[in-house]
Amino acid sequence: MSLTKFTEVINIDCNDEFVFDYTQDYSNRLKWDTFLKRADLIEGALAADKGVKAYCVATNGIGMVTEYVTFNRPKVTAVKMTKGPYMFKSFLGSWTFKALSRESTQVVFLYVYELRFPFSLGFFLMKPILQMNVRNRLKGLKVSIENLPVV
């Protein structure tokens, strides 16, 4: 089975540095990420950065350990799975933040994954489920940021 790839995009009324920092601050993660019920940096890490690992658990109870392979504030960040559910042979996710103006940011999620056999037989079911989850996460991010009190 080959790699499956998809992207989802949303525009957020906020500057790119704030959006980047908000998404990568794990104390904020569960405020907006509708897919997760747990999100922790592990191995003593205090902040996200290249080489840092995180452990996240989806609302369905499935957990995954990822490692940051790219961390270029405020433009892009990427993680790869180092330990996760058996169904995934590999998994990579990246977030790109593009300033559209001083107060508007385009956020792009890119997922690339490969399913193990026999899960690969249902690849056509997995992609729309993941895409829906990512769309909901992005909507949650937009609502969370745009409804923060103005200081």
Protein backbone atom coordinates (compact mmCIF):
# COMPACT_ATOMS: atom_id res chain seq x y z
CA MET A 1 0.00 0.00 0.00
CA SER A 2 1.33 3.43 -0.84
CA LEU A 3 1.36 6.59 1.20
CA THR A 4 -1.88 8.52 1.57
CA LYS A 5 -1.70 12.30 1.73
CA PHE A 6 -4.21 15.09 2.26
CA THR A 7 -4.35 18.72 3.36
CA GLU A 8 -6.96 20.87 5.08
CA VAL A 9 -6.83 24.67 5.23
CA ILE A 10 -8.45 27.41 7.32
CA ASN A 11 -7.96 31.16 7.68
CA ILE A 12 -7.83 32.61 11.19
CA ASP A 13 -8.24 36.28 12.08
CA CYS A 14 -5.01 36.59 14.06
CA ASN A 15 -1.31 37.11 13.34
CA ASP A 16 0.84 34.13 12.39
CA GLU A 17 3.18 34.32 15.40
CA PHE A 18 0.31 34.13 17.87
CA VAL A 19 -1.40 31.29 15.97
CA PHE A 20 1.85 29.32 15.79
CA ASP A 21 2.63 29.83 19.46
CA TYR A 22 -0.92 29.01 20.55
CA THR A 23 -0.99 25.74 18.64
CA GLN A 24 2.40 24.62 19.89
CA ASP A 25 1.76 25.46 23.56
CA TYR A 26 0.56 22.20 25.05
CA SER A 27 -1.18 24.00 27.92
CA ASN A 28 -3.61 25.32 25.25
CA ARG A 29 -3.96 22.14 23.21
CA LEU A 30 -7.10 20.70 24.76
CA LYS A 31 -8.81 24.11 24.63
CA TRP A 32 -9.14 23.81 20.87
CA ASP A 33 -8.15 20.33 19.67
CA THR A 34 -11.47 18.49 19.42
CA PHE A 35 -9.76 15.21 18.46
CA LEU A 36 -7.68 14.84 21.62
CA LYS A 37 -8.42 14.09 25.25
CA ARG A 38 -4.74 14.14 26.30
CA ALA A 39 -1.73 16.05 24.94
CA ASP A 40 1.59 16.09 26.79
CA LEU A 41 5.19 16.82 26.00
CA ILE A 42 7.26 13.93 27.35
CA GLU A 43 10.79 13.04 28.43
CA GLY A 44 11.10 16.21 30.48
CA ALA A 45 10.41 18.65 27.63
CA LEU A 46 8.91 21.97 28.69
CA ALA A 47 8.23 23.40 25.23
CA ALA A 48 7.79 22.10 21.71
CA ASP A 49 10.95 22.20 19.57
CA LYS A 50 12.86 20.06 17.10
CA GLY A 51 13.63 16.68 18.67
CA VAL A 52 10.97 17.02 21.39
CA LYS A 53 8.49 14.17 21.80
CA ALA A 54 4.80 14.40 22.61
CA TYR A 55 2.22 11.85 23.67
CA CYS A 56 -1.33 12.46 22.52
CA VAL A 57 -4.47 10.38 23.04
CA ALA A 58 -7.49 10.72 20.78
CA THR A 59 -11.00 10.83 22.19
CA ASN A 60 -11.37 7.20 21.02
CA GLY A 61 -8.55 6.20 23.40
CA ILE A 62 -5.87 5.56 20.76
CA GLY A 63 -2.51 7.09 21.67
CA MET A 64 0.53 8.09 19.63
CA VAL A 65 4.04 9.28 20.43
CA THR A 66 5.39 11.81 17.95
CA GLU A 67 8.69 13.61 17.57
CA TYR A 68 9.13 17.10 16.18
CA VAL A 69 11.27 16.85 13.06
CA THR A 70 10.79 20.50 12.05
CA PHE A 71 10.17 23.55 14.22
CA ASN A 72 10.56 26.83 12.35
CA ARG A 73 8.63 29.52 14.24
CA PRO A 74 6.30 31.00 13.01
CA LYS A 75 6.21 29.27 9.62
CA VAL A 76 6.10 25.48 9.91
CA THR A 77 6.24 22.58 12.30
CA ALA A 78 6.18 18.84 11.58
CA VAL A 79 6.01 15.66 13.62
CA LYS A 80 6.53 12.02 12.81
CA MET A 81 5.12 9.03 14.66
CA THR A 82 7.69 7.15 16.72
CA LYS A 83 5.20 4.86 18.48
CA GLY A 84 1.56 4.47 17.77
CA PRO A 85 -1.34 2.27 16.92
CA TYR A 86 -0.46 -0.83 14.95
CA MET A 87 -2.73 0.22 12.08
CA PHE A 88 -0.21 2.92 11.04
CA LYS A 89 2.98 1.77 9.36
CA SER A 90 4.05 5.42 9.26
CA PHE A 91 2.54 8.79 10.06
CA LEU A 92 3.72 12.37 9.49
CA GLY A 93 1.86 15.61 10.12
CA SER A 94 2.89 19.16 9.33
CA TRP A 95 1.37 22.55 10.02
CA THR A 96 2.19 25.54 7.87
CA PHE A 97 1.31 29.08 8.97
CA LYS A 98 1.16 31.76 6.27
CA ALA A 99 0.59 35.40 7.13
CA LEU A 100 -2.11 36.72 4.81
CA SER A 101 -1.96 40.14 6.47
CA ARG A 102 -0.89 41.55 9.84
CA GLU A 103 -4.01 40.06 11.42
CA SER A 104 -4.87 37.04 9.27
CA THR A 105 -3.16 33.66 9.02
CA GLN A 106 -3.73 30.69 6.76
CA VAL A 107 -3.17 27.39 8.58
CA VAL A 108 -2.53 24.26 6.50
CA PHE A 109 -2.50 20.76 8.01
CA LEU A 110 -0.80 18.10 5.89
CA TYR A 111 -1.11 14.43 6.86
CA VAL A 112 0.90 11.67 5.23
CA TYR A 113 0.44 8.11 6.42
CA GLU A 114 0.65 4.47 5.43
CA LEU A 115 -1.60 1.78 6.87
CA ARG A 116 -0.44 -1.75 7.68
CA PHE A 117 -2.18 -4.79 6.27
CA PRO A 118 -5.04 -5.65 6.85
CA PHE A 119 -6.02 -2.04 7.75
CA SER A 120 -4.77 -0.95 4.33
CA LEU A 121 -7.75 -2.76 2.81
CA GLY A 122 -9.98 -0.09 4.33
CA PHE A 123 -7.82 2.89 3.36
CA PHE A 124 -10.76 4.46 1.52
CA LEU A 125 -12.63 4.62 4.85
CA MET A 126 -9.73 5.99 6.92
CA LYS A 127 -8.97 9.04 4.80
CA PRO A 128 -12.42 10.71 5.05
CA ILE A 129 -12.51 10.03 8.79
CA LEU A 130 -9.10 11.65 9.30
CA GLN A 131 -10.02 14.56 7.02
CA MET A 132 -13.20 15.19 9.03
CA ASN A 133 -11.20 15.09 12.27
CA VAL A 134 -8.67 17.58 10.91
CA ARG A 135 -11.41 19.91 9.63
CA ASN A 136 -13.04 19.86 13.07
CA ARG A 137 -9.70 20.51 14.77
CA LEU A 138 -9.06 23.51 12.53
CA LYS A 139 -12.55 24.86 13.17
CA GLY A 140 -11.95 24.43 16.90
CA LEU A 141 -8.65 26.29 16.60
CA LYS A 142 -10.28 29.17 14.72
CA VAL A 143 -13.12 29.52 17.24
CA SER A 144 -10.76 29.26 20.20
CA ILE A 145 -8.35 31.93 18.94
CA GLU A 146 -10.93 34.32 17.52
CA ASN A 147 -12.93 34.23 20.77
CA LEU A 148 -10.00 34.96 23.09
CA PRO A 149 -10.47 38.13 25.11
CA VAL A 150 -8.67 41.13 23.63
CA VAL A 151 -6.01 42.41 26.00
